[in-house]
C-alpha atoms as a PDB file:
ATOM      1  CA  MET A   1       0.088  -0.149   0.047  1.00  0.00           C
ATOM      2  CA  ILE A   2       1.117   3.460  -1.217  1.00  0.00           C
ATOM      3  CA  PHE A   3       0.463   6.007   1.882  1.00  0.00           C
ATOM      4  CA  PRO A   4       1.105   9.543   0.876  1.00  0.00           C
ATOM      5  CA  PRO A   5       3.017  12.062   3.044  1.00  0.00           C
ATOM      6  CA  PHE A   6       1.201  13.893   6.065  1.00  0.00           C
ATOM      7  CA  LEU A   7       0.926  17.343   5.002  1.00  0.00           C
ATOM      8  CA  ALA A   8       3.479  19.223   6.308  1.00  0.00           C
ATOM      9  CA  GLU A   9       3.298  22.244   8.512  1.00  0.00           C
ATOM     10  CA  SER A  10       3.035  24.585   6.259  1.00  0.00           C
ATOM     11  CA  GLY A  11       2.209  22.253   3.426  1.00  0.00           C
ATOM     12  CA  LYS A  12      -0.387  23.623   0.770  1.00  0.00           C
ATOM     13  CA  ILE A  13      -4.024  22.246   0.412  1.00  0.00           C
ATOM     14  CA  GLY A  14      -5.851  21.862  -2.872  1.00  0.00           C
ATOM     15  CA  VAL A  15      -9.430  21.952  -3.742  1.00  0.00           C
ATOM     16  CA  THR A  16     -10.517  20.676  -7.396  1.00  0.00           C
ATOM     17  CA  ALA A  17     -14.001  20.346  -8.311  1.00  0.00           C
ATOM     18  CA  PRO A  18     -14.591  16.380  -9.793  1.00  0.00           C
ATOM     19  CA  SER A  19     -18.368  16.227  -9.991  1.00  0.00           C
ATOM     20  CA  PHE A  20     -20.215  19.263  -9.219  1.00  0.00           C
ATOM     21  CA  GLY A  21     -18.747  22.748  -8.526  1.00  0.00           C
ATOM     22  CA  VAL A  22     -19.577  25.838  -6.003  1.00  0.00           C
ATOM     23  CA  VAL A  23     -21.686  28.459  -7.171  1.00  0.00           C
ATOM     24  CA  ASP A  24     -24.482  29.138  -4.351  1.00  0.00           C
ATOM     25  CA  PRO A  25     -23.284  32.364  -2.613  1.00  0.00           C
ATOM     26  CA  THR A  26     -23.600  30.615   1.015  1.00  0.00           C
ATOM     27  CA  ASP A  27     -21.166  27.685   0.018  1.00  0.00           C
ATOM     28  CA  VAL A  28     -18.778  30.067  -1.994  1.00  0.00           C
ATOM     29  CA  ALA A  29     -18.726  32.127   2.056  1.00  0.00           C
ATOM     30  CA  ARG A  30     -18.163  28.965   3.417  1.00  0.00           C
ATOM     31  CA  PHE A  31     -14.797  28.109   1.198  1.00  0.00           C
ATOM     32  CA  ASN A  32     -14.137  31.556   2.021  1.00  0.00           C
ATOM     33  CA  ASN A  33     -14.237  30.914   5.431  1.00  0.00           C
ATOM     34  CA  ALA A  34     -12.458  27.562   4.980  1.00  0.00           C
ATOM     35  CA  ARG A  35      -9.490  29.297   2.997  1.00  0.00           C
ATOM     36  CA  ARG A  36      -9.285  32.077   5.961  1.00  0.00           C
ATOM     37  CA  ARG A  37      -9.192  29.143   8.791  1.00  0.00           C
ATOM     38  CA  LEU A  38      -6.712  27.102   7.267  1.00  0.00           C
ATOM     39  CA  SER A  39      -4.664  30.239   6.165  1.00  0.00           C
ATOM     40  CA  ALA A  40      -4.180  31.158   9.755  1.00  0.00           C
ATOM     41  CA  MET A  41      -3.166  27.803  10.934  1.00  0.00           C
ATOM     42  CA  GLY A  42      -0.421  27.596   8.386  1.00  0.00           C
ATOM     43  CA  HIS A  43      -1.798  26.001   5.390  1.00  0.00           C
ATOM     44  CA  GLU A  44      -2.330  27.983   2.308  1.00  0.00           C
ATOM     45  CA  THR A  45      -5.103  26.824   0.271  1.00  0.00           C
ATOM     46  CA  VAL A  46      -5.369  26.759  -3.510  1.00  0.00           C
ATOM     47  CA  PHE A  47      -8.912  26.314  -5.563  1.00  0.00           C
ATOM     48  CA  THR A  48      -8.493  25.220  -9.095  1.00  0.00           C
ATOM     49  CA  PRO A  49     -10.511  27.273 -11.868  1.00  0.00           C
ATOM     50  CA  ASP A  50     -13.465  24.134 -11.776  1.00  0.00           C
ATOM     51  CA  VAL A  51     -14.697  24.528  -8.199  1.00  0.00           C
ATOM     52  CA  PHE A  52     -16.328  27.960  -8.625  1.00  0.00           C
ATOM     53  CA  THR A  53     -18.519  26.928 -11.721  1.00  0.00           C
ATOM     54  CA  ALA A  54     -21.273  24.522 -12.756  1.00  0.00           C
ATOM     55  CA  ASP A  55     -23.473  24.175 -16.003  1.00  0.00           C
ATOM     56  CA  GLU A  56     -26.549  23.544 -16.249  1.00  0.00           C
ATOM     57  CA  ALA A  57     -26.733  19.706 -15.340  1.00  0.00           C
ATOM     58  CA  GLY A  58     -24.049  20.984 -12.380  1.00  0.00           C
ATOM     59  CA  ARG A  59     -20.413  19.500 -13.933  1.00  0.00           C
ATOM     60  CA  SER A  60     -18.294  21.763 -12.744  1.00  0.00           C
ATOM     61  CA  ALA A  61     -16.204  21.717 -16.226  1.00  0.00           C
ATOM     62  CA  PRO A  62     -15.874  19.416 -18.971  1.00  0.00           C
ATOM     63  CA  ALA A  63     -14.035  15.403 -17.571  1.00  0.00           C
ATOM     64  CA  GLU A  64     -11.045  16.876 -19.634  1.00  0.00           C
ATOM     65  CA  GLN A  65     -10.829  19.719 -17.723  1.00  0.00           C
ATOM     66  CA  ARG A  66     -11.256  17.968 -14.139  1.00  0.00           C
ATOM     67  CA  VAL A  67      -9.070  15.822 -14.988  1.00  0.00           C
ATOM     68  CA  ALA A  68      -6.534  17.973 -15.907  1.00  0.00           C
ATOM     69  CA  GLU A  69      -6.922  20.381 -13.171  1.00  0.00           C
ATOM     70  CA  LEU A  70      -6.454  17.035 -10.812  1.00  0.00           C
ATOM     71  CA  ARG A  71      -3.454  16.199 -12.174  1.00  0.00           C
ATOM     72  CA  SER A  72      -1.974  20.038 -11.682  1.00  0.00           C
ATOM     73  CA  LEU A  73      -2.923  19.773  -7.830  1.00  0.00           C
ATOM     74  CA  LEU A  74      -1.224  16.587  -7.790  1.00  0.00           C
ATOM     75  CA  GLU A  75       2.027  17.584  -9.613  1.00  0.00           C
ATOM     76  CA  ASP A  76       2.291  20.721  -7.354  1.00  0.00           C
ATOM     77  CA  GLU A  77       5.197  20.125  -5.244  1.00  0.00           C
ATOM     78  CA  ASP A  78       3.744  21.680  -2.541  1.00  0.00           C
ATOM     79  CA  VAL A  79       0.553  20.113  -2.223  1.00  0.00           C
ATOM     80  CA  GLY A  80       0.319  17.941   0.126  1.00  0.00           C
ATOM     81  CA  TYR A  81      -3.556  17.238   0.765  1.00  0.00           C
ATOM     82  CA  VAL A  82      -6.414  17.143  -2.339  1.00  0.00           C
ATOM     83  CA  VAL A  83      -9.622  17.360  -1.246  1.00  0.00           C
ATOM     84  CA  ALA A  84     -12.868  17.820  -3.589  1.00  0.00           C
ATOM     85  CA  ALA A  85     -14.964  20.454  -3.264  1.00  0.00           C
ATOM     86  CA  LYS A  86     -18.662  18.403  -3.381  1.00  0.00           C
ATOM     87  CA  GLY A  87     -20.226  15.097  -4.349  1.00  0.00           C
ATOM     88  CA  GLY A  88     -22.260  14.643  -7.423  1.00  0.00           C
ATOM     89  CA  ASP A  89     -22.915  12.839 -10.394  1.00  0.00           C
ATOM     90  CA  TYR A  90     -20.642  12.987 -12.980  1.00  0.00           C
ATOM     91  CA  GLN A  91     -17.074  12.041 -11.640  1.00  0.00           C
ATOM     92  CA  ILE A  92     -17.419   8.645 -13.151  1.00  0.00           C
ATOM     93  CA  GLU A  93     -17.062  10.822 -16.447  1.00  0.00           C
ATOM     94  CA  MET A  94     -13.625  10.674 -15.551  1.00  0.00           C
ATOM     95  CA  LEU A  95     -12.492   7.377 -15.284  1.00  0.00           C
ATOM     96  CA  PRO A  96     -11.370   6.632 -19.037  1.00  0.00           C
ATOM     97  CA  LEU A  97      -8.603   9.461 -19.062  1.00  0.00           C
ATOM     98  CA  MET A  98      -7.232   8.917 -15.414  1.00  0.00           C
ATOM     99  CA  ASP A  99      -3.573   8.357 -15.740  1.00  0.00           C
ATOM    100  CA  TRP A 100      -3.145   5.779 -12.322  1.00  0.00           C
ATOM    101  CA  ASP A 101       0.519   5.283 -12.859  1.00  0.00           C
ATOM    102  CA  HIS A 102       0.836   9.330 -12.520  1.00  0.00           C
ATOM    103  CA  LEU A 103      -1.087   9.026  -9.472  1.00  0.00           C
ATOM    104  CA  ARG A 104       1.157   6.362  -8.030  1.00  0.00           C
ATOM    105  CA  SER A 105       4.366   8.118  -8.869  1.00  0.00           C
ATOM    106  CA  HIS A 106       2.201  11.273  -7.583  1.00  0.00           C
ATOM    107  CA  PRO A 107       1.033  10.478  -4.372  1.00  0.00           C
ATOM    108  CA  LYS A 108      -1.040  12.734  -2.410  1.00  0.00           C
ATOM    109  CA  TRP A 109      -3.584  12.387  -0.158  1.00  0.00           C
ATOM    110  CA  MET A 110      -7.119  12.945  -1.754  1.00  0.00           C
ATOM    111  CA  GLN A 111     -10.293  13.156   0.529  1.00  0.00           C
ATOM    112  CA  GLY A 112     -14.462  13.378  -0.183  1.00  0.00           C
ATOM    113  CA  TYR A 113     -17.325  11.389   0.170  1.00  0.00           C
ATOM    114  CA  SER A 114     -20.406  10.421  -1.732  1.00  0.00           C
ATOM    115  CA  ASP A 115     -19.668  10.083  -5.535  1.00  0.00           C
ATOM    116  CA  ASN A 116     -15.720  11.117  -4.646  1.00  0.00           C
ATOM    117  CA  THR A 117     -16.180   7.313  -4.097  1.00  0.00           C
ATOM    118  CA  VAL A 118     -15.453   6.932  -7.943  1.00  0.00           C
ATOM    119  CA  LEU A 119     -12.127   8.144  -7.667  1.00  0.00           C
ATOM    120  CA  LEU A 120     -11.218   6.797  -3.962  1.00  0.00           C
ATOM    121  CA  PHE A 121     -11.885   3.651  -4.284  1.00  0.00           C
ATOM    122  CA  LYS A 122     -10.349   3.020  -7.954  1.00  0.00           C
ATOM    123  CA  ALA A 123      -7.216   4.694  -6.110  1.00  0.00           C
ATOM    124  CA  THR A 124      -6.757   2.482  -3.666  1.00  0.00           C
ATOM    125  CA  ALA A 125      -9.040  -0.763  -4.610  1.00  0.00           C
ATOM    126  CA  GLU A 126      -6.983  -1.216  -7.553  1.00  0.00           C
ATOM    127  CA  HIS A 127      -3.948   0.794  -7.453  1.00  0.00           C
ATOM    128  CA  ASP A 128      -2.747   0.506  -3.884  1.00  0.00           C
ATOM    129  CA  VAL A 129      -2.761   4.071  -3.217  1.00  0.00           C
ATOM    130  CA  ALA A 130      -4.355   5.213   0.553  1.00  0.00           C
ATOM    131  CA  THR A 131      -6.924   7.905   0.163  1.00  0.00           C
ATOM    132  CA  ILE A 132      -9.883   9.076   2.418  1.00  0.00           C
ATOM    133  CA  TYR A 133     -13.494   8.763   2.986  1.00  0.00           C
ATOM    134  CA  GLY A 134     -14.073  12.102   5.344  1.00  0.00           C
ATOM    135  CA  GLY A 135     -15.622  15.288   4.376  1.00  0.00           C
ATOM    136  CA  ASN A 136     -15.732  17.476   1.271  1.00  0.00           C
ATOM    137  CA  PHE A 137     -14.403  20.619   1.405  1.00  0.00           C
ATOM    138  CA  GLY A 138     -17.043  23.068   2.789  1.00  0.00           C
ATOM    139  CA  ASP A 139     -16.753  21.384   6.355  1.00  0.00           C
ATOM    140  CA  TYR A 140     -13.603  23.124   7.239  1.00  0.00           C
ATOM    141  CA  GLY A 141     -15.950  26.142   6.069  1.00  0.00           C
ATOM    142  CA  MET A 142     -18.235  25.795   9.398  1.00  0.00           C
ATOM    143  CA  GLU A 143     -18.169  28.290  12.621  1.00  0.00           C
ATOM    144  CA  PRO A 144     -17.057  26.818  15.253  1.00  0.00           C
ATOM    145  CA  TRP A 145     -15.271  23.832  14.032  1.00  0.00           C
ATOM    146  CA  HIS A 146     -16.570  20.448  15.426  1.00  0.00           C
ATOM    147  CA  ARG A 147     -14.353  17.936  16.698  1.00  0.00           C
ATOM    148  CA  SER A 148     -14.913  15.899  13.413  1.00  0.00           C
ATOM    149  CA  VAL A 149     -13.071  18.757  11.641  1.00  0.00           C
ATOM    150  CA  SER A 150     -10.026  18.908  13.801  1.00  0.00           C
ATOM    151  CA  GLU A 151      -9.542  15.608  14.169  1.00  0.00           C
ATOM    152  CA  ASN A 152      -9.564  14.876  10.105  1.00  0.00           C
ATOM    153  CA  LEU A 153      -6.685  17.748   9.888  1.00  0.00           C
ATOM    154  CA  GLU A 154      -4.748  16.159  12.826  1.00  0.00           C
ATOM    155  CA  ILE A 155      -5.313  12.730  11.046  1.00  0.00           C
ATOM    156  CA  VAL A 156      -3.936  14.237   8.005  1.00  0.00           C
ATOM    157  CA  GLU A 157      -1.050  15.860   9.541  1.00  0.00           C
ATOM    158  CA  GLY A 158       0.263  12.899  10.960  1.00  0.00           C
ATOM    159  CA  ARG A 159      -0.610  14.265  14.342  1.00  0.00           C
ATOM    160  CA  ARG A 160      -3.326  11.740  15.783  1.00  0.00           C
ATOM    161  CA  SER A 161      -4.180   7.942  15.094  1.00  0.00           C
ATOM    162  CA  GLN A 162      -6.913   7.735  16.722  1.00  0.00           C
ATOM    163  CA  GLN A 163     -10.750   8.731  17.273  1.00  0.00           C
ATOM    164  CA  ASP A 164     -13.604   8.162  19.336  1.00  0.00           C
ATOM    165  CA  SER A 165     -17.342   8.618  17.537  1.00  0.00           C
ATOM    166  CA  PHE A 166     -19.564  11.568  18.407  1.00  0.00           C
ATOM    167  CA  PRO A 167     -22.784  11.403  20.351  1.00  0.00           C
ATOM    168  CA  PHE A 168     -24.775  13.689  18.523  1.00  0.00           C
ATOM    169  CA  HIS A 169     -25.415  13.309  14.570  1.00  0.00           C
ATOM    170  CA  GLU A 170     -27.353  15.201  11.922  1.00  0.00           C
ATOM    171  CA  GLU A 171     -30.730  13.949  10.496  1.00  0.00           C
ATOM    172  CA  GLY A 172     -29.884  15.457   6.855  1.00  0.00           C
ATOM    173  CA  PHE A 173     -29.224  18.171   4.662  1.00  0.00           C
ATOM    174  CA  ALA A 174     -30.359  21.555   5.721  1.00  0.00           C
ATOM    175  CA  ASP A 175     -30.533  25.180   4.081  1.00  0.00           C
ATOM    176  CA  ARG A 176     -28.084  27.517   5.095  1.00  0.00           C
ATOM    177  CA  VAL A 177     -28.404  31.501   5.805  1.00  0.00           C
ATOM    178  CA  THR A 178     -24.707  32.590   6.185  1.00  0.00           C
ATOM    179  CA  GLY A 179     -22.785  29.255   4.454  1.00  0.00           C
ATOM    180  CA  LEU A 180     -20.812  29.090   7.982  1.00  0.00           C
ATOM    181  CA  GLU A 181     -23.368  27.407  10.181  1.00  0.00           C
ATOM    182  CA  GLY A 182     -22.051  24.497  12.483  1.00  0.00           C
ATOM    183  CA  LEU A 183     -23.146  21.045  12.541  1.00  0.00           C
ATOM    184  CA  ARG A 184     -26.401  20.430  13.633  1.00  0.00           C
ATOM    185  CA  GLU A 185     -26.957  18.223  16.936  1.00  0.00           C
ATOM    186  CA  GLU A 186     -30.497  16.548  15.800  1.00  0.00           C
ATOM    187  CA  ALA A 187     -30.348  12.963  16.951  1.00  0.00           C
ATOM    188  CA  ARG A 188     -28.362  11.075  19.457  1.00  0.00           C
ATOM    189  CA  THR A 189     -25.849   8.624  17.730  1.00  0.00           C
ATOM    190  CA  GLU A 190     -26.248   5.186  18.448  1.00  0.00           C
ATOM    191  CA  TRP A 191     -23.448   2.199  17.196  1.00  0.00           C
ATOM    192  CA  ALA A 192     -25.460  -1.083  16.917  1.00  0.00           C
ATOM    193  CA  SER A 193     -23.633  -4.274  16.409  1.00  0.00           C
ATOM    194  CA  SER A 194     -25.275  -7.444  15.341  1.00  0.00           C
ATOM    195  CA  CYS A 195     -23.280  -9.457  18.472  1.00  0.00           C
ATOM    196  CA  GLY A 196     -22.938  -6.812  21.064  1.00  0.00           C
ATOM    197  CA  ASP A 197     -19.733  -5.277  22.353  1.00  0.00           C
ATOM    198  CA  VAL A 198     -17.370  -6.013  19.709  1.00  0.00           C
ATOM    199  CA  SER A 199     -13.688  -5.479  18.192  1.00  0.00           C
ATOM    200  CA  PHE A 200     -12.244  -6.062  15.276  1.00  0.00           C
ATOM    201  CA  GLU A 201      -9.668  -5.288  12.888  1.00  0.00           C
ATOM    202  CA  GLY A 202      -8.424  -5.411   8.629  1.00  0.00           C
ATOM    203  CA  ARG A 203      -7.937  -3.184   6.158  1.00  0.00           C
ATOM    204  CA  LEU A 204     -10.555  -0.350   5.451  1.00  0.00           C
ATOM    205  CA  ILE A 205     -11.725  -0.376   2.169  1.00  0.00           C
ATOM    206  CA  GLY A 206     -15.597   1.148   0.693  1.00  0.00           C
ATOM    207  CA  GLY A 207     -17.289   3.864   0.262  1.00  0.00           C
ATOM    208  CA  CYS A 208     -20.589   5.053  -0.896  1.00  0.00           C
ATOM    209  CA  MET A 209     -23.010   2.192  -1.727  1.00  0.00           C
ATOM    210  CA  ASP A 210     -24.505   4.265  -4.702  1.00  0.00           C
ATOM    211  CA  VAL A 211     -21.161   4.384  -6.416  1.00  0.00           C
ATOM    212  CA  LEU A 212     -20.371   0.449  -5.116  1.00  0.00           C
ATOM    213  CA  GLU A 213     -23.534  -0.774  -6.943  1.00  0.00           C
ATOM    214  CA  TRP A 214     -22.708   1.005 -10.413  1.00  0.00           C
ATOM    215  CA  PHE A 215     -19.003  -0.561  -9.704  1.00  0.00           C
ATOM    216  CA  TYR A 216     -19.941  -3.869  -9.425  1.00  0.00           C
ATOM    217  CA  ARG A 217     -23.149  -3.854 -11.315  1.00  0.00           C
ATOM    218  CA  LYS A 218     -20.933  -2.492 -14.865  1.00  0.00           C
ATOM    219  CA  GLY A 219     -17.821  -4.146 -13.790  1.00  0.00           C
ATOM    220  CA  THR A 220     -16.036  -1.375 -13.938  1.00  0.00           C
ATOM    221  CA  ALA A 221     -14.227  -1.403 -10.608  1.00  0.00           C
ATOM    222  CA  ASP A 222     -12.191  -4.612  -9.817  1.00  0.00           C
ATOM    223  CA  PRO A 223     -11.335  -4.983  -5.617  1.00  0.00           C
ATOM    224  CA  SER A 224     -10.069  -8.433  -6.649  1.00  0.00           C
ATOM    225  CA  GLY A 225      -6.049  -7.740  -6.389  1.00  0.00           C
ATOM    226  CA  PHE A 226      -7.008  -6.155  -3.311  1.00  0.00           C
ATOM    227  CA  VAL A 227      -8.645  -8.992  -1.289  1.00  0.00           C
ATOM    228  CA  SER A 228      -5.851 -11.078  -2.681  1.00  0.00           C
ATOM    229  CA  ARG A 229      -3.110  -9.215  -1.378  1.00  0.00           C
ATOM    230  CA  TYR A 230      -4.958  -8.050   2.206  1.00  0.00           C
ATOM    231  CA  GLY A 231      -7.531 -10.974   2.928  1.00  0.00           C
ATOM    232  CA  GLY A 232      -5.192 -12.814   4.816  1.00  0.00           C
ATOM    233  CA  GLU A 233      -4.656 -10.312   7.406  1.00  0.00           C
ATOM    234  CA  GLY A 234      -8.092  -9.177   7.415  1.00  0.00           C
ATOM    235  CA  ILE A 235     -10.494  -6.706   5.687  1.00  0.00           C
ATOM    236  CA  VAL A 236     -12.851  -4.180   7.324  1.00  0.00           C
ATOM    237  CA  TRP A 237     -15.363  -2.986   4.564  1.00  0.00           C
ATOM    238  CA  TYR A 238     -17.904   0.005   5.412  1.00  0.00           C
ATOM    239  CA  MET A 239     -20.345   1.169   3.217  1.00  0.00           C
ATOM    240  CA  GLU A 240     -23.206   4.425   3.777  1.00  0.00           C
ATOM    241  CA  THR A 241     -26.134   5.112   1.143  1.00  0.00           C
ATOM    242  CA  TYR A 242     -27.260   7.932  -0.002  1.00  0.00           C
ATOM    243  CA  ASP A 243     -30.476   6.833  -2.417  1.00  0.00           C
ATOM    244  CA  MET A 244     -31.130   3.403  -2.254  1.00  0.00           C
ATOM    245  CA  ASP A 245     -34.159   0.881  -1.553  1.00  0.00           C
ATOM    246  CA  GLU A 246     -33.952  -2.593   0.216  1.00  0.00           C
ATOM    247  CA  GLY A 247     -34.209  -4.267  -3.018  1.00  0.00           C
ATOM    248  CA  ARG A 248     -31.005  -2.495  -4.412  1.00  0.00           C
ATOM    249  CA  VAL A 249     -29.122  -2.916  -1.286  1.00  0.00           C
ATOM    250  CA  ALA A 250     -29.585  -6.656  -0.770  1.00  0.00           C
ATOM    251  CA  ARG A 251     -29.124  -7.164  -4.159  1.00  0.00           C
ATOM    252  CA  THR A 252     -25.818  -5.786  -4.086  1.00  0.00           C
ATOM    253  CA  LEU A 253     -24.915  -7.185  -1.199  1.00  0.00           C
ATOM    254  CA  GLU A 254     -25.631 -10.455  -2.533  1.00  0.00           C
ATOM    255  CA  GLY A 255     -23.540  -9.963  -5.654  1.00  0.00           C
ATOM    256  CA  MET A 256     -20.638  -8.787  -4.336  1.00  0.00           C
ATOM    257  CA  ALA A 257     -21.193 -11.911  -1.712  1.00  0.00           C
ATOM    258  CA  GLU A 258     -21.177 -14.105  -4.694  1.00  0.00           C
ATOM    259  CA  ASP A 259     -18.412 -13.056  -6.674  1.00  0.00           C
ATOM    260  CA  GLY A 260     -15.692 -12.761  -3.981  1.00  0.00           C
ATOM    261  CA  TRP A 261     -15.866  -8.827  -2.805  1.00  0.00           C
ATOM    262  CA  PHE A 262     -16.114  -9.963   0.886  1.00  0.00           C
ATOM    263  CA  GLU A 263     -13.210 -12.807   1.138  1.00  0.00           C
ATOM    264  CA  GLY A 264     -11.083 -11.909   3.872  1.00  0.00           C
ATOM    265  CA  ALA A 265     -13.550  -9.672   5.559  1.00  0.00           C
ATOM    266  CA  ARG A 266     -13.629  -9.208   9.523  1.00  0.00           C
ATOM    267  CA  GLY A 267     -16.269  -6.959   9.843  1.00  0.00           C
ATOM    268  CA  PHE A 268     -18.593  -4.526   7.888  1.00  0.00           C
ATOM    269  CA  VAL A 269     -19.389  -0.682   9.403  1.00  0.00           C
ATOM    270  CA  PHE A 270     -22.263   0.472   7.946  1.00  0.00           C
ATOM    271  CA  GLY A 271     -23.219   4.553   7.959  1.00  0.00           C
ATOM    272  CA  ARG A 272     -26.860   6.186   8.508  1.00  0.00           C
ATOM    273  CA  PRO A 273     -28.744   5.794   5.431  1.00  0.00           C
ATOM    274  CA  LEU A 274     -29.611   9.123   4.331  1.00  0.00           C
ATOM    275  CA  PHE A 275     -32.638   8.779   1.875  1.00  0.00           C
ATOM    276  CA  PHE A 276     -33.620   4.679   2.098  1.00  0.00           C
ATOM    277  CA  LYS A 277     -36.904   3.257   1.139  1.00  0.00           C
ATOM    278  CA  GLY A 278     -37.924   0.382   3.276  1.00  0.00           C
ATOM    279  CA  GLU A 279     -38.441  -0.701   6.816  1.00  0.00           C
ATOM    280  CA  ASP A 280     -35.154  -1.368   8.375  1.00  0.00           C
ATOM    281  CA  TYR A 281     -31.888  -0.770   6.507  1.00  0.00           C
ATOM    282  CA  ALA A 282     -30.140  -3.185   9.475  1.00  0.00           C
ATOM    283  CA  ALA A 283     -32.738  -6.289   8.974  1.00  0.00           C
ATOM    284  CA  THR A 284     -32.361  -5.819   5.250  1.00  0.00           C
ATOM    285  CA  VAL A 285     -28.215  -5.732   5.250  1.00  0.00           C
ATOM    286  CA  ARG A 286     -28.492  -8.696   8.062  1.00  0.00           C
ATOM    287  CA  ASP A 287     -30.464 -10.933   6.149  1.00  0.00           C
ATOM    288  CA  VAL A 288     -27.793 -11.364   3.445  1.00  0.00           C
ATOM    289  CA  LEU A 289     -24.333 -10.887   5.489  1.00  0.00           C
ATOM    290  CA  SER A 290     -25.764 -13.146   8.308  1.00  0.00           C
ATOM    291  CA  GLY A 291     -23.795 -16.238   6.386  1.00  0.00           C
ATOM    292  CA  LEU A 292     -20.497 -14.727   6.701  1.00  0.00           C
ATOM    293  CA  GLY A 293     -20.244 -14.858  10.224  1.00  0.00           C
ATOM    294  CA  VAL A 294     -18.401 -11.355  11.023  1.00  0.00           C
ATOM    295  CA  PRO A 295     -19.880  -8.385  13.140  1.00  0.00           C
ATOM    296  CA  MET A 296     -21.743  -6.387  11.308  1.00  0.00           C
ATOM    297  CA  VAL A 297     -22.016  -2.486  13.101  1.00  0.00           C
ATOM    298  CA  PHE A 298     -24.729  -0.019  12.263  1.00  0.00           C
ATOM    299  CA  GLY A 299     -25.443   4.039  12.369  1.00  0.00           C
ATOM    300  CA  ALA A 300     -21.347   4.477  12.329  1.00  0.00           C
ATOM    301  CA  ASP A 301     -20.197   8.249  11.628  1.00  0.00           C
ATOM    302  CA  VAL A 302     -19.608   7.402   8.263  1.00  0.00           C
ATOM    303  CA  GLY A 303     -21.294   9.504   5.169  1.00  0.00           C
ATOM    304  CA  HIS A 304     -23.680  11.643   4.424  1.00  0.00           C
ATOM    305  CA  LYS A 305     -24.981  12.244   7.739  1.00  0.00           C
ATOM    306  CA  ALA A 306     -22.921  14.601   9.679  1.00  0.00           C
ATOM    307  CA  PRO A 307     -20.227  14.273  11.561  1.00  0.00           C
ATOM    308  CA  ARG A 308     -18.098  11.792   9.614  1.00  0.00           C
ATOM    309  CA  MET A 309     -14.872  10.131  11.372  1.00  0.00           C
ATOM    310  CA  THR A 310     -12.051   9.995   9.064  1.00  0.00           C
ATOM    311  CA  PHE A 311     -12.100   5.981   7.438  1.00  0.00           C
ATOM    312  CA  VAL A 312      -8.190   5.897   5.805  1.00  0.00           C
ATOM    313  CA  ASN A 313      -8.926   3.366   2.900  1.00  0.00           C
ATOM    314  CA  GLY A 314      -5.835   1.172   2.467  1.00  0.00           C
ATOM    315  CA  ALA A 315      -4.715   1.362   6.249  1.00  0.00           C
ATOM    316  CA  ARG A 316      -5.043  -1.059   8.876  1.00  0.00           C
ATOM    317  CA  ALA A 317      -7.642  -0.318  11.221  1.00  0.00           C
ATOM    318  CA  ARG A 318      -8.891  -1.431  14.864  1.00  0.00           C
ATOM    319  CA  LEU A 319     -12.451  -0.854  15.305  1.00  0.00           C
ATOM    320  CA  ASP A 320     -13.510  -1.390  19.074  1.00  0.00           C
ATOM    321  CA  VAL A 321     -17.742  -1.109  19.389  1.00  0.00           C
ATOM    322  CA  SER A 322     -19.387  -0.465  22.712  1.00  0.00           C
ATOM    323  CA  GLY A 323     -21.799   0.615  24.886  1.00  0.00           C
ATOM    324  CA  GLY A 324     -23.643   2.640  21.514  1.00  0.00           C
ATOM    325  CA  GLY A 325     -20.014   4.355  20.513  1.00  0.00           C
ATOM    326  CA  CYS A 326     -16.559   3.228  18.582  1.00  0.00           C
ATOM    327  CA  ARG A 327     -13.159   4.078  18.921  1.00  0.00           C
ATOM    328  CA  LEU A 328     -11.043   4.188  15.752  1.00  0.00           C
ATOM    329  CA  THR A 329      -7.596   3.497  15.656  1.00  0.00           C
ATOM    330  CA  TYR A 330      -4.901   3.010  12.983  1.00  0.00           C
ATOM    331  CA  PRO A 331      -2.351   1.060  14.797  1.00  0.00           C
ATOM    332  CA  GLY A 332       1.252   2.899  13.877  1.00  0.00           C
ATOM    333  CA  PHE A 333       0.214   5.335  11.545  1.00  0.00           C
ATOM    334  CA  ALA A 334       0.710   8.875  13.397  1.00  0.00           C
END
């Protein structure tokens, strides 16, 4: 596994828009505040031209431009951390144009969530470059920073190797007025395990199930190499859903299991689904995966319902789940 260097004390942060661009004034204000906050901590932020543009469909720019702007950040020796501006629907258009050998020779921490699973999952599962499933850049613009945001940066800087889950979470998206709104503590968080208090560890891999479903159904991603390389030491899969019904969730997991995606799995972690059409998300998952005989954890701090823990694809991780919470540890990481 190729682990990029940690973000240096005065390292530059690059922001690009591999899918949607940012044009709403409240989002622009949030991004400018994020740049101000990070600058005060010694980190210059550079925005690629596609960050603040969008066509009628929401694309920040043509796919060729998005690929070129990502590459420009990878080639910038001062940039140590690349964060996606937003999610969206069009990152798949970049795949035929990506130079993965270039990424392997210019490894940088790349982070995002939702549609950013497209590049992050491919980079780690197929090309052995560690990536981060965490907040998009706008999270750095909230006031005040939530603990999840400050800890995210500490992990990227190599100053933290452990996180504890958060007691409350948001139930979904909400309109902003100033753009700087902080995290809303709307519901108490409860990590629920299929087998009571439990600990397990392995190499982390996963992302947004809506994207993973497309990868599986279209045969556009192949995790077999990752499974072969790391299955012997154990793999921990994490997933979260944006907008899926119970039938799609069940069919996706059944197909993946049958085709060997989950060989070597030591446990599964499922985030809080955002728009789920069905009676019981956890029951749907348990019905499919119970035969694997490994722990399944639900209600995790990953995905669309903030706050988000920092999940490092490709890193060896230990999860200790007890009392409705979790401690996530990356042994020897920091």
